[in-house]
Amino acid sequence: MGALWIAHVTVTDDDAYSKYAALATEAIAAHGGTFIARGGRFVQLEGRARPRNVVARFPDVETAEKCYRSDVYQEALNHARNASERELMIIETNE
């Protein structure tokens, strides 16, 4: 089964977050992930709105989680931690 990596983000430091984004993109691609939505227009219907929303598709939950725990992604997170407020989840798809 495939998996979606879904992030809802409020960026508080654009310069630091751009370093996160570059490394995160590298980590996601290295694990077979592809972006299907990245910061596009959205309509918030319930819950807390975050101005940046990202969805990446992975082959499966295990690969998406392996990406998150990878050295490159963890290095990316060092830039994001003090540069953003965010939620991140991995959801298995029905496909």
N, C-alpha and C. Protein backbone atom coordinates (compact mmCIF):
# COMPACT_ATOMS: atom_id res chain seq x y z
N MET A 1 0.83 -1.19 0.00
CA MET A 1 0.00 0.00 0.00
C MET A 1 0.87 1.25 0.00
N GLY A 2 0.49 2.24 -0.75
CA GLY A 2 1.21 3.51 -0.77
C GLY A 2 1.00 4.28 0.52
N ALA A 3 1.67 5.40 0.63
CA ALA A 3 1.55 6.24 1.81
C ALA A 3 1.69 7.70 1.43
N LEU A 4 1.02 8.54 2.18
CA LEU A 4 1.14 9.99 2.02
C LEU A 4 1.78 10.58 3.26
N TRP A 5 2.71 11.49 3.03
CA TRP A 5 3.39 12.25 4.08
C TRP A 5 2.74 13.62 4.01
N ILE A 6 2.07 14.03 5.06
CA ILE A 6 1.30 15.27 5.05
C ILE A 6 1.84 16.20 6.13
N ALA A 7 2.23 17.40 5.73
CA ALA A 7 2.76 18.39 6.66
C ALA A 7 1.93 19.66 6.57
N HIS A 8 1.65 20.23 7.74
CA HIS A 8 0.99 21.52 7.85
C HIS A 8 1.96 22.43 8.60
N VAL A 9 2.33 23.56 7.98
CA VAL A 9 3.46 24.33 8.49
C VAL A 9 3.17 25.83 8.53
N THR A 10 3.64 26.46 9.61
CA THR A 10 3.74 27.91 9.68
C THR A 10 5.22 28.22 9.78
N VAL A 11 5.76 28.88 8.79
CA VAL A 11 7.18 29.22 8.76
C VAL A 11 7.38 30.52 9.54
N THR A 12 8.36 30.51 10.47
CA THR A 12 8.67 31.69 11.27
C THR A 12 10.03 32.29 10.94
N ASP A 13 10.86 31.56 10.18
CA ASP A 13 12.18 32.04 9.76
C ASP A 13 12.43 31.50 8.35
N ASP A 14 12.19 32.35 7.36
CA ASP A 14 12.29 31.92 5.96
C ASP A 14 13.68 31.41 5.58
N ASP A 15 14.73 32.07 6.03
CA ASP A 15 16.09 31.66 5.66
C ASP A 15 16.42 30.27 6.19
N ALA A 16 16.17 30.04 7.45
CA ALA A 16 16.44 28.72 8.05
C ALA A 16 15.55 27.66 7.42
N TYR A 17 14.29 28.00 7.17
CA TYR A 17 13.37 27.01 6.62
C TYR A 17 13.75 26.64 5.19
N SER A 18 14.33 27.56 4.45
CA SER A 18 14.76 27.21 3.09
C SER A 18 15.87 26.17 3.13
N LYS A 19 16.71 26.19 4.16
CA LYS A 19 17.75 25.16 4.33
C LYS A 19 17.08 23.82 4.63
N TYR A 20 16.06 23.85 5.48
CA TYR A 20 15.29 22.63 5.75
C TYR A 20 14.71 22.08 4.45
N ALA A 21 14.05 22.94 3.68
CA ALA A 21 13.35 22.50 2.47
C ALA A 21 14.29 21.84 1.48
N ALA A 22 15.48 22.40 1.32
CA ALA A 22 16.45 21.83 0.37
C ALA A 22 16.87 20.42 0.80
N LEU A 23 17.20 20.26 2.07
CA LEU A 23 17.61 18.94 2.55
C LEU A 23 16.45 17.95 2.59
N ALA A 24 15.28 18.43 2.97
CA ALA A 24 14.11 17.55 3.02
C ALA A 24 13.76 17.05 1.62
N THR A 25 13.84 17.91 0.63
CA THR A 25 13.59 17.51 -0.76
C THR A 25 14.55 16.40 -1.18
N GLU A 26 15.80 16.56 -0.81
CA GLU A 26 16.81 15.54 -1.12
C GLU A 26 16.48 14.21 -0.44
N ALA A 27 16.12 14.25 0.83
CA ALA A 27 15.80 13.03 1.58
C ALA A 27 14.57 12.34 1.01
N ILE A 28 13.55 13.11 0.70
CA ILE A 28 12.31 12.54 0.17
C ILE A 28 12.57 11.88 -1.17
N ALA A 29 13.29 12.54 -2.06
CA ALA A 29 13.59 11.95 -3.37
C ALA A 29 14.42 10.68 -3.22
N ALA A 30 15.37 10.67 -2.29
CA ALA A 30 16.23 9.50 -2.09
C ALA A 30 15.45 8.28 -1.59
N HIS A 31 14.27 8.52 -1.04
CA HIS A 31 13.45 7.42 -0.53
C HIS A 31 12.24 7.14 -1.44
N GLY A 32 12.32 7.60 -2.66
CA GLY A 32 11.25 7.32 -3.62
C GLY A 32 10.01 8.16 -3.45
N GLY A 33 10.11 9.23 -2.68
CA GLY A 33 8.97 10.11 -2.48
C GLY A 33 8.84 11.12 -3.60
N THR A 34 7.61 11.49 -3.92
CA THR A 34 7.34 12.52 -4.91
C THR A 34 6.31 13.49 -4.33
N PHE A 35 6.51 14.76 -4.59
CA PHE A 35 5.57 15.77 -4.10
C PHE A 35 4.33 15.80 -4.99
N ILE A 36 3.17 15.80 -4.36
CA ILE A 36 1.93 15.96 -5.12
C ILE A 36 1.23 17.27 -4.76
N ALA A 37 1.63 17.90 -3.67
CA ALA A 37 1.16 19.24 -3.31
C ALA A 37 2.25 19.88 -2.46
N ARG A 38 2.53 21.13 -2.77
CA ARG A 38 3.63 21.79 -2.05
C ARG A 38 3.38 23.29 -1.98
N GLY A 39 2.69 23.70 -0.91
CA GLY A 39 2.48 25.13 -0.70
C GLY A 39 1.42 25.76 -1.58
N GLY A 40 0.58 24.96 -2.21
CA GLY A 40 -0.43 25.51 -3.10
C GLY A 40 -1.63 26.08 -2.36
N ARG A 41 -2.55 26.56 -3.14
CA ARG A 41 -3.79 27.14 -2.61
C ARG A 41 -4.57 26.08 -1.86
N PHE A 42 -5.21 26.46 -0.76
CA PHE A 42 -6.01 25.51 0.00
C PHE A 42 -7.20 26.23 0.63
N VAL A 43 -8.17 25.45 1.05
CA VAL A 43 -9.33 25.95 1.77
C VAL A 43 -9.38 25.19 3.09
N GLN A 44 -9.25 25.90 4.20
CA GLN A 44 -9.30 25.28 5.53
C GLN A 44 -10.76 25.21 5.96
N LEU A 45 -11.26 24.02 6.14
CA LEU A 45 -12.66 23.85 6.52
C LEU A 45 -12.85 23.60 8.02
N GLU A 46 -11.89 22.96 8.65
CA GLU A 46 -11.96 22.70 10.09
C GLU A 46 -10.55 22.73 10.66
N GLY A 47 -10.45 22.95 11.96
CA GLY A 47 -9.15 22.91 12.62
C GLY A 47 -8.32 24.15 12.35
N ARG A 48 -7.07 24.07 12.80
CA ARG A 48 -6.15 25.20 12.70
C ARG A 48 -5.53 25.28 11.31
N ALA A 49 -5.61 26.44 10.71
CA ALA A 49 -5.01 26.65 9.39
C ALA A 49 -3.51 26.93 9.54
N ARG A 50 -2.73 26.35 8.65
CA ARG A 50 -1.31 26.64 8.52
C ARG A 50 -1.12 27.12 7.08
N PRO A 51 -0.33 28.17 6.86
CA PRO A 51 -0.22 28.73 5.52
C PRO A 51 0.50 27.85 4.50
N ARG A 52 1.29 26.86 4.96
CA ARG A 52 2.01 25.99 4.03
C ARG A 52 1.61 24.55 4.29
N ASN A 53 1.19 23.87 3.24
CA ASN A 53 0.77 22.47 3.34
C ASN A 53 1.49 21.69 2.26
N VAL A 54 2.03 20.53 2.65
CA VAL A 54 2.83 19.72 1.74
C VAL A 54 2.36 18.28 1.81
N VAL A 55 2.22 17.66 0.63
CA VAL A 55 1.86 16.24 0.56
C VAL A 55 2.85 15.57 -0.38
N ALA A 56 3.47 14.48 0.11
CA ALA A 56 4.38 13.68 -0.72
C ALA A 56 3.88 12.25 -0.71
N ARG A 57 4.03 11.58 -1.84
CA ARG A 57 3.62 10.18 -1.97
C ARG A 57 4.86 9.30 -1.85
N PHE A 58 4.74 8.23 -1.08
CA PHE A 58 5.82 7.24 -0.90
C PHE A 58 5.29 5.86 -1.26
N PRO A 59 6.20 4.92 -1.52
CA PRO A 59 5.77 3.56 -1.87
C PRO A 59 4.99 2.88 -0.75
N ASP A 60 5.33 3.17 0.50
CA ASP A 60 4.65 2.54 1.64
C ASP A 60 4.99 3.31 2.92
N VAL A 61 4.27 3.01 3.99
CA VAL A 61 4.47 3.69 5.27
C VAL A 61 5.89 3.50 5.78
N GLU A 62 6.41 2.30 5.65
CA GLU A 62 7.74 2.00 6.18
C GLU A 62 8.82 2.85 5.51
N THR A 63 8.70 3.03 4.19
CA THR A 63 9.68 3.85 3.47
C THR A 63 9.56 5.31 3.87
N ALA A 64 8.35 5.80 4.05
CA ALA A 64 8.16 7.19 4.48
C ALA A 64 8.75 7.41 5.87
N GLU A 65 8.53 6.45 6.76
CA GLU A 65 9.08 6.57 8.10
C GLU A 65 10.61 6.46 8.08
N LYS A 66 11.13 5.59 7.24
CA LYS A 66 12.59 5.47 7.08
C LYS A 66 13.17 6.80 6.60
N CYS A 67 12.49 7.47 5.70
CA CYS A 67 12.92 8.79 5.23
C CYS A 67 12.98 9.76 6.40
N TYR A 68 11.93 9.78 7.20
CA TYR A 68 11.88 10.70 8.36
C TYR A 68 13.06 10.45 9.29
N ARG A 69 13.40 9.22 9.51
CA ARG A 69 14.46 8.86 10.45
C ARG A 69 15.87 8.89 9.83
N SER A 70 15.94 9.16 8.53
CA SER A 70 17.24 9.18 7.84
C SER A 70 18.11 10.32 8.34
N ASP A 71 19.42 10.15 8.18
CA ASP A 71 20.37 11.18 8.61
C ASP A 71 20.13 12.51 7.90
N VAL A 72 19.85 12.45 6.60
CA VAL A 72 19.63 13.68 5.84
C VAL A 72 18.39 14.41 6.33
N TYR A 73 17.30 13.68 6.55
CA TYR A 73 16.08 14.36 7.02
C TYR A 73 16.25 14.89 8.43
N GLN A 74 16.94 14.15 9.28
CA GLN A 74 17.17 14.63 10.64
C GLN A 74 18.03 15.90 10.63
N GLU A 75 18.98 15.97 9.70
CA GLU A 75 19.77 17.19 9.54
C GLU A 75 18.85 18.34 9.09
N ALA A 76 17.94 18.04 8.17
CA ALA A 76 16.98 19.05 7.72
C ALA A 76 16.15 19.55 8.89
N LEU A 77 15.71 18.65 9.75
CA LEU A 77 14.89 19.04 10.89
C LEU A 77 15.61 20.00 11.83
N ASN A 78 16.93 19.91 11.90
CA ASN A 78 17.67 20.84 12.73
C ASN A 78 17.43 22.29 12.29
N HIS A 79 17.18 22.49 11.00
CA HIS A 79 16.88 23.84 10.49
C HIS A 79 15.42 24.22 10.70
N ALA A 80 14.54 23.24 10.69
CA ALA A 80 13.10 23.52 10.79
C ALA A 80 12.62 23.75 12.22
N ARG A 81 13.27 23.13 13.18
CA ARG A 81 12.77 23.15 14.56
C ARG A 81 12.56 24.56 15.11
N ASN A 82 13.49 25.46 14.89
CA ASN A 82 13.35 26.82 15.40
C ASN A 82 12.89 27.80 14.33
N ALA A 83 12.48 27.26 13.19
CA ALA A 83 12.08 28.11 12.08
C ALA A 83 10.63 27.89 11.67
N SER A 84 9.92 27.04 12.42
CA SER A 84 8.55 26.72 12.02
C SER A 84 7.77 26.09 13.16
N GLU A 85 6.47 26.15 12.99
CA GLU A 85 5.53 25.37 13.80
C GLU A 85 4.89 24.41 12.82
N ARG A 86 4.83 23.11 13.17
CA ARG A 86 4.38 22.15 12.16
C ARG A 86 3.79 20.90 12.76
N GLU A 87 2.97 20.29 11.96
CA GLU A 87 2.47 18.95 12.22
C GLU A 87 2.84 18.10 11.01
N LEU A 88 3.21 16.85 11.27
CA LEU A 88 3.59 15.94 10.19
C LEU A 88 3.03 14.58 10.49
N MET A 89 2.42 13.96 9.49
CA MET A 89 1.89 12.61 9.65
C MET A 89 2.12 11.80 8.39
N ILE A 90 2.10 10.49 8.56
CA ILE A 90 2.18 9.56 7.45
C ILE A 90 0.88 8.75 7.48
N ILE A 91 0.22 8.65 6.34
CA ILE A 91 -1.05 7.93 6.25
C ILE A 91 -0.99 6.92 5.12
N GLU A 92 -1.35 5.70 5.42
CA GLU A 92 -1.40 4.66 4.39
C GLU A 92 -2.58 4.93 3.46
N THR A 93 -2.36 4.74 2.16
CA THR A 93 -3.43 4.94 1.19
C THR A 93 -4.12 3.60 0.90
N ASN A 94 -5.22 3.65 0.20
CA ASN A 94 -5.96 2.45 -0.17
C ASN A 94 -5.47 1.86 -1.48
N GLU A 95 -4.44 2.42 -2.05
CA GLU A 95 -3.95 1.96 -3.36
C GLU A 95 -2.74 1.08 -3.21
